[in-house]
Amino acid sequence: MNSDNRNVKARELLISLLKSGKTVDVPAVSGLSMFPVLLPDDTIRVIPAMPSDLKRGMIIVYEKEHKIISHRFIRLRNGKVICKGDSLLSYDYPVHSKNLLGIVTKRFRKNRTQDLTTPFHKFTGFILSYITPLSGYIFHYMSFMWNRLKTQY
């Protein structure tokens, strides 16, 4: 089985488990859209969620165009979920709330676990959701530099 088929099977399994109410640890986050909270190769714990469970600033997981995306929740508008990656310069295109899969509650990096449901992380996420246009520029350039340094060494 090639890697594309494995990715499709893994995505389908993840969606199936979350929709059946199971908590899932998702290995190997990719990309830098949520820099610095999530880095490539982090593992995230995702719990199933409904739109009514969402609070501004949470990191949520949703499906869009056959991809699984983890971004910061900003708001619900007309049944659509509005999100943004912390290091992206613009908001995501609104996604129908039926594509919501869950909420990220923990991040595992190397041998450390970070609980993203603590009051500190909830407050930080809430603030980031309001200053995201500014933080997007800052984190965007920081992620570029981080990636450049990482690939040099």
Protein backbone atom coordinates (compact mmCIF):
# COMPACT_ATOMS: atom_id res chain seq x y z
CA MET A 1 0.00 0.00 0.00
CA ASN A 2 1.48 3.37 -0.97
CA SER A 3 1.66 6.37 1.36
CA ASP A 4 -1.35 8.09 -0.27
CA ASN A 5 -3.53 5.06 0.46
CA ARG A 6 -2.19 4.88 4.04
CA ASN A 7 -2.99 8.58 4.53
CA VAL A 8 -6.54 8.11 3.24
CA LYS A 9 -7.07 5.08 5.51
CA ALA A 10 -5.62 6.94 8.52
CA ARG A 11 -7.83 9.98 7.85
CA GLU A 12 -10.92 7.80 7.50
CA LEU A 13 -10.06 5.95 10.72
CA LEU A 14 -9.50 9.21 12.61
CA ILE A 15 -12.83 10.63 11.43
CA SER A 16 -14.65 7.38 12.24
CA LEU A 17 -13.19 7.17 15.76
CA LEU A 18 -13.97 10.81 16.59
CA LYS A 19 -17.51 10.60 15.19
CA SER A 20 -18.11 7.49 17.33
CA GLY A 21 -17.12 9.46 20.46
CA LYS A 22 -13.58 8.17 20.95
CA THR A 23 -10.61 10.29 22.02
CA VAL A 24 -7.72 9.98 19.56
CA ASP A 25 -4.00 10.73 19.75
CA VAL A 26 -2.98 11.98 16.30
CA PRO A 27 0.73 11.54 15.59
CA ALA A 28 2.99 13.61 13.38
CA VAL A 29 1.39 17.00 13.07
CA SER A 30 2.71 18.59 9.89
CA GLY A 31 3.20 22.17 8.83
CA LEU A 32 3.84 25.37 10.72
CA SER A 33 0.41 27.02 10.58
CA MET A 34 0.02 26.72 14.38
CA PHE A 35 3.60 27.73 15.23
CA PRO A 36 4.72 27.90 18.03
CA VAL A 37 1.97 25.95 19.83
CA LEU A 38 2.12 22.98 17.43
CA LEU A 39 5.29 21.97 15.62
CA PRO A 40 5.93 19.30 13.00
CA ASP A 41 6.05 15.84 14.56
CA ASP A 42 4.05 16.84 17.65
CA THR A 43 1.28 14.44 18.62
CA ILE A 44 -2.06 15.92 19.63
CA ARG A 45 -4.90 14.47 21.67
CA VAL A 46 -8.28 15.21 20.15
CA ILE A 47 -11.61 14.75 21.90
CA PRO A 48 -14.87 14.68 19.94
CA ALA A 49 -16.81 17.96 19.96
CA MET A 50 -20.01 19.58 18.78
CA PRO A 51 -20.29 23.24 17.73
CA SER A 52 -21.95 24.02 21.09
CA ASP A 53 -18.74 22.86 22.86
CA LEU A 54 -16.54 25.44 21.15
CA LYS A 55 -15.05 28.39 22.99
CA ARG A 56 -13.13 31.17 21.33
CA GLY A 57 -9.40 30.46 21.33
CA MET A 58 -9.57 26.66 21.45
CA ILE A 59 -7.56 24.67 18.94
CA ILE A 60 -9.99 22.54 16.98
CA VAL A 61 -9.68 19.84 14.37
CA TYR A 62 -11.83 19.79 11.27
CA GLU A 63 -11.90 18.19 7.84
CA LYS A 64 -11.58 20.32 4.73
CA GLU A 65 -11.02 19.07 1.20
CA HIS A 66 -9.93 15.62 2.40
CA LYS A 67 -7.39 17.10 4.82
CA ILE A 68 -7.42 17.17 8.61
CA ILE A 69 -6.64 20.67 9.90
CA SER A 70 -5.89 21.91 13.42
CA HIS A 71 -6.41 25.66 13.81
CA ARG A 72 -7.56 28.14 16.41
CA PHE A 73 -11.32 28.60 16.68
CA ILE A 74 -12.44 32.23 16.29
CA ARG A 75 -16.25 32.07 16.03
CA LEU A 76 -19.34 30.43 14.55
CA ARG A 77 -21.18 32.42 11.90
CA ASN A 78 -24.31 31.14 10.15
CA GLY A 79 -23.46 27.52 10.92
CA LYS A 80 -19.91 27.95 9.66
CA VAL A 81 -16.74 27.60 11.71
CA ILE A 82 -14.26 30.47 11.39
CA CYS A 83 -10.66 29.53 12.26
CA LYS A 84 -7.13 30.70 11.71
CA GLY A 85 -3.69 29.20 12.05
CA ASP A 86 -1.64 31.21 14.55
CA SER A 87 1.15 31.83 12.03
CA LEU A 88 -1.05 32.40 8.99
CA LEU A 89 -1.70 35.84 7.61
CA SER A 90 -5.40 35.35 6.89
CA TYR A 91 -8.42 33.51 8.26
CA ASP A 92 -9.40 30.11 6.89
CA TYR A 93 -12.29 29.94 4.47
CA PRO A 94 -15.40 29.23 6.62
CA VAL A 95 -16.11 25.52 7.06
CA HIS A 96 -19.52 24.01 7.70
CA SER A 97 -19.87 22.98 11.34
CA LYS A 98 -20.62 19.37 10.27
CA ASN A 99 -16.91 19.15 9.34
CA LEU A 100 -15.89 19.79 12.96
CA LEU A 101 -14.17 16.70 14.37
CA GLY A 102 -12.92 17.71 17.79
CA ILE A 103 -10.95 19.86 20.20
CA VAL A 104 -7.22 19.54 20.85
CA THR A 105 -6.71 19.00 24.58
CA LYS A 106 -3.05 17.95 24.82
CA ARG A 107 0.16 18.26 22.90
CA PHE A 108 2.96 15.69 23.15
CA ARG A 109 6.45 16.82 22.12
CA LYS A 110 9.43 14.57 22.69
CA ASN A 111 8.97 13.38 26.29
CA ARG A 112 6.78 16.28 27.43
CA THR A 113 3.03 16.61 27.64
CA GLN A 114 1.32 20.01 27.54
CA ASP A 115 -2.28 20.23 28.77
CA LEU A 116 -4.02 22.81 26.56
CA THR A 117 -7.12 22.96 28.79
CA THR A 118 -5.48 24.73 31.73
CA PRO A 119 -6.72 28.23 32.60
CA PHE A 120 -3.40 29.66 31.35
CA HIS A 121 -3.73 28.01 27.93
CA LYS A 122 -7.42 28.91 27.66
CA PHE A 123 -6.61 32.55 28.44
CA THR A 124 -3.63 32.62 26.05
CA GLY A 125 -5.73 31.06 23.27
CA PHE A 126 -8.53 33.55 23.90
CA ILE A 127 -6.11 36.50 23.66
CA LEU A 128 -4.45 35.05 20.55
CA SER A 129 -7.84 34.73 18.89
CA TYR A 130 -8.35 38.49 19.25
CA ILE A 131 -4.88 39.64 18.24
CA THR A 132 -4.51 37.05 15.50
CA PRO A 133 -3.99 39.54 12.65
CA LEU A 134 -0.94 40.92 14.48
CA SER A 135 0.28 37.62 15.90
CA GLY A 136 -0.10 36.05 12.46
CA TYR A 137 2.61 38.32 11.10
CA ILE A 138 4.89 37.78 14.09
CA PHE A 139 4.50 33.99 14.18
CA HIS A 140 4.64 33.74 10.39
CA TYR A 141 8.12 35.23 10.28
CA MET A 142 9.24 33.42 13.43
CA SER A 143 8.16 30.08 11.91
CA PHE A 144 10.06 30.91 8.74
CA MET A 145 13.22 31.59 10.74
CA TRP A 146 12.70 28.52 12.98
CA ASN A 147 12.30 26.28 9.93
CA ARG A 148 15.34 27.79 8.27
CA LEU A 149 17.51 27.27 11.36
CA LYS A 150 16.19 23.75 11.87
CA THR A 151 17.03 22.70 8.31
CA GLN A 152 20.55 24.14 8.56
CA TYR A 153 21.53 21.99 11.54
